[in-house]
Amino acid sequence: FLDNEPMIAPENRWFMRGYERLSAQRLTDNNRPQPLQISEIASYVAFTGGMDEADREDFMRIVCILDGMAMDYVGKQIEAASRKSRTKSKKGGR
């Protein structure tokens, strides 16, 4: 969803893998993706184990940031599609 995919240092790729796994299980409402639930993120952290407190806090923070970016992008895509649909309807009604 990004025009220029950022480079992630190899030692930090586990953040992205975790986010991708969580995002794949995202709930939807009316075919719209919903933000990740903090409880799901916390459950994932507990399930994976082996993270020290600093890693857990970093993971929670980074996943929330990534999710916020994804939700902003999805919101913009939905709005653009809605505008396009409204414009098409107006032109068809003439």
C-alpha atoms as a PDB file:
ATOM      1  CA  PHE A   1       0.000   0.000   0.000  1.00  0.00           C
ATOM      2  CA  LEU A   2       2.999   2.290  -0.062  1.00  0.00           C
ATOM      3  CA  ASP A   3       4.424   3.864  -3.191  1.00  0.00           C
ATOM      4  CA  ASN A   4       7.974   3.361  -1.924  1.00  0.00           C
ATOM      5  CA  GLU A   5       8.352   0.356   0.319  1.00  0.00           C
ATOM      6  CA  PRO A   6      10.643   1.180   3.232  1.00  0.00           C
ATOM      7  CA  MET A   7      13.639  -1.006   3.928  1.00  0.00           C
ATOM      8  CA  ILE A   8      13.448  -2.887   7.201  1.00  0.00           C
ATOM      9  CA  ALA A   9      16.648  -3.954   8.889  1.00  0.00           C
ATOM     10  CA  PRO A  10      16.889  -7.756   9.080  1.00  0.00           C
ATOM     11  CA  GLU A  11      16.937  -7.735  12.884  1.00  0.00           C
ATOM     12  CA  ASN A  12      13.601  -5.869  12.893  1.00  0.00           C
ATOM     13  CA  ARG A  13      11.702  -7.931  10.316  1.00  0.00           C
ATOM     14  CA  TRP A  14       9.947  -9.860  13.077  1.00  0.00           C
ATOM     15  CA  PHE A  15       7.898  -6.710  13.773  1.00  0.00           C
ATOM     16  CA  MET A  16       6.553  -6.735  10.221  1.00  0.00           C
ATOM     17  CA  ARG A  17       5.925 -10.496  10.202  1.00  0.00           C
ATOM     18  CA  GLY A  18       3.952 -10.159  13.425  1.00  0.00           C
ATOM     19  CA  TYR A  19       1.942  -7.251  12.031  1.00  0.00           C
ATOM     20  CA  GLU A  20       1.201  -9.167   8.822  1.00  0.00           C
ATOM     21  CA  ARG A  21      -0.025 -12.180  10.798  1.00  0.00           C
ATOM     22  CA  LEU A  22      -2.271 -10.009  12.948  1.00  0.00           C
ATOM     23  CA  SER A  23      -3.535  -8.035   9.977  1.00  0.00           C
ATOM     24  CA  ALA A  24      -4.453 -11.222   8.114  1.00  0.00           C
ATOM     25  CA  GLN A  25      -6.860 -12.046  10.961  1.00  0.00           C
ATOM     26  CA  ARG A  26      -8.388  -8.558  11.028  1.00  0.00           C
ATOM     27  CA  LEU A  27     -12.119  -8.288  11.682  1.00  0.00           C
ATOM     28  CA  THR A  28     -14.341  -6.617   9.093  1.00  0.00           C
ATOM     29  CA  ASP A  29     -17.618  -4.764   9.378  1.00  0.00           C
ATOM     30  CA  ASN A  30     -19.714  -4.180   6.258  1.00  0.00           C
ATOM     31  CA  ASN A  31     -16.740  -5.398   4.196  1.00  0.00           C
ATOM     32  CA  ARG A  32     -14.517  -2.722   5.742  1.00  0.00           C
ATOM     33  CA  PRO A  33     -11.443  -3.741   7.702  1.00  0.00           C
ATOM     34  CA  GLN A  34     -11.477  -2.772  11.341  1.00  0.00           C
ATOM     35  CA  PRO A  35      -8.504  -1.639  13.422  1.00  0.00           C
ATOM     36  CA  LEU A  36      -6.608  -4.382  15.178  1.00  0.00           C
ATOM     37  CA  GLN A  37      -7.814  -4.944  18.696  1.00  0.00           C
ATOM     38  CA  ILE A  38      -5.272  -4.300  21.453  1.00  0.00           C
ATOM     39  CA  SER A  39      -6.362  -7.596  23.022  1.00  0.00           C
ATOM     40  CA  GLU A  40      -5.415  -9.452  19.810  1.00  0.00           C
ATOM     41  CA  ILE A  41      -2.015  -7.780  19.720  1.00  0.00           C
ATOM     42  CA  ALA A  42      -1.443  -8.632  23.394  1.00  0.00           C
ATOM     43  CA  SER A  43      -2.537 -12.243  22.783  1.00  0.00           C
ATOM     44  CA  TYR A  44      -0.083 -12.519  19.901  1.00  0.00           C
ATOM     45  CA  VAL A  45       2.714 -11.182  22.093  1.00  0.00           C
ATOM     46  CA  ALA A  46       1.839 -13.689  24.833  1.00  0.00           C
ATOM     47  CA  PHE A  47       1.579 -16.534  22.292  1.00  0.00           C
ATOM     48  CA  THR A  48       4.972 -15.872  20.742  1.00  0.00           C
ATOM     49  CA  GLY A  49       6.723 -15.638  24.108  1.00  0.00           C
ATOM     50  CA  GLY A  50      10.405 -14.975  24.347  1.00  0.00           C
ATOM     51  CA  MET A  51      10.051 -11.187  24.209  1.00  0.00           C
ATOM     52  CA  ASP A  52      11.503  -9.122  26.970  1.00  0.00           C
ATOM     53  CA  GLU A  53       9.530  -6.179  28.313  1.00  0.00           C
ATOM     54  CA  ALA A  54      11.192  -3.657  25.992  1.00  0.00           C
ATOM     55  CA  ASP A  55      10.449  -5.816  22.912  1.00  0.00           C
ATOM     56  CA  ARG A  56       6.821  -6.270  23.999  1.00  0.00           C
ATOM     57  CA  GLU A  57       6.370  -2.531  24.399  1.00  0.00           C
ATOM     58  CA  ASP A  58       8.103  -1.825  21.084  1.00  0.00           C
ATOM     59  CA  PHE A  59       6.004  -4.442  19.319  1.00  0.00           C
ATOM     60  CA  MET A  60       2.732  -3.061  20.689  1.00  0.00           C
ATOM     61  CA  ARG A  61       3.729   0.495  19.775  1.00  0.00           C
ATOM     62  CA  ILE A  62       4.978  -0.329  16.277  1.00  0.00           C
ATOM     63  CA  VAL A  63       1.996  -2.541  15.425  1.00  0.00           C
ATOM     64  CA  CYS A  64      -0.376   0.236  16.525  1.00  0.00           C
ATOM     65  CA  ILE A  65       1.511   2.733  14.339  1.00  0.00           C
ATOM     66  CA  LEU A  66       1.490   0.401  11.323  1.00  0.00           C
ATOM     67  CA  ASP A  67      -2.191  -0.325  11.854  1.00  0.00           C
ATOM     68  CA  GLY A  68      -3.003   3.375  12.068  1.00  0.00           C
ATOM     69  CA  MET A  69      -1.193   3.952   8.779  1.00  0.00           C
ATOM     70  CA  ALA A  70      -3.041   1.062   7.153  1.00  0.00           C
ATOM     71  CA  MET A  71      -6.419   2.284   8.409  1.00  0.00           C
ATOM     72  CA  ASP A  72      -5.681   5.810   7.115  1.00  0.00           C
ATOM     73  CA  TYR A  73      -4.822   4.356   3.713  1.00  0.00           C
ATOM     74  CA  VAL A  74      -7.936   2.178   3.613  1.00  0.00           C
ATOM     75  CA  GLY A  75     -10.089   5.142   4.642  1.00  0.00           C
ATOM     76  CA  LYS A  76      -8.663   7.227   1.795  1.00  0.00           C
ATOM     77  CA  GLN A  77      -9.247   4.398  -0.691  1.00  0.00           C
ATOM     78  CA  ILE A  78     -12.857   3.987   0.456  1.00  0.00           C
ATOM     79  CA  GLU A  79     -13.466   7.741   0.240  1.00  0.00           C
ATOM     80  CA  ALA A  80     -11.938   7.926  -3.249  1.00  0.00           C
ATOM     81  CA  ALA A  81     -14.111   5.035  -4.430  1.00  0.00           C
ATOM     82  CA  SER A  82     -17.156   6.684  -2.900  1.00  0.00           C
ATOM     83  CA  ARG A  83     -16.404  10.005  -4.637  1.00  0.00           C
ATOM     84  CA  LYS A  84     -15.889   8.206  -7.937  1.00  0.00           C
ATOM     85  CA  SER A  85     -19.188   6.372  -7.510  1.00  0.00           C
ATOM     86  CA  ARG A  86     -21.049   9.600  -6.667  1.00  0.00           C
ATOM     87  CA  THR A  87     -19.529  11.367  -9.676  1.00  0.00           C
ATOM     88  CA  LYS A  88     -20.487   8.485 -11.942  1.00  0.00           C
ATOM     89  CA  SER A  89     -24.058   8.553 -10.568  1.00  0.00           C
ATOM     90  CA  LYS A  90     -24.388  12.291 -11.177  1.00  0.00           C
ATOM     91  CA  LYS A  91     -23.163  11.981 -14.762  1.00  0.00           C
ATOM     92  CA  GLY A  92     -25.505   9.074 -15.432  1.00  0.00           C
ATOM     93  CA  GLY A  93     -28.506  10.964 -14.081  1.00  0.00           C
ATOM     94  CA  ARG A  94     -28.290  13.811 -16.616  1.00  0.00           C
END
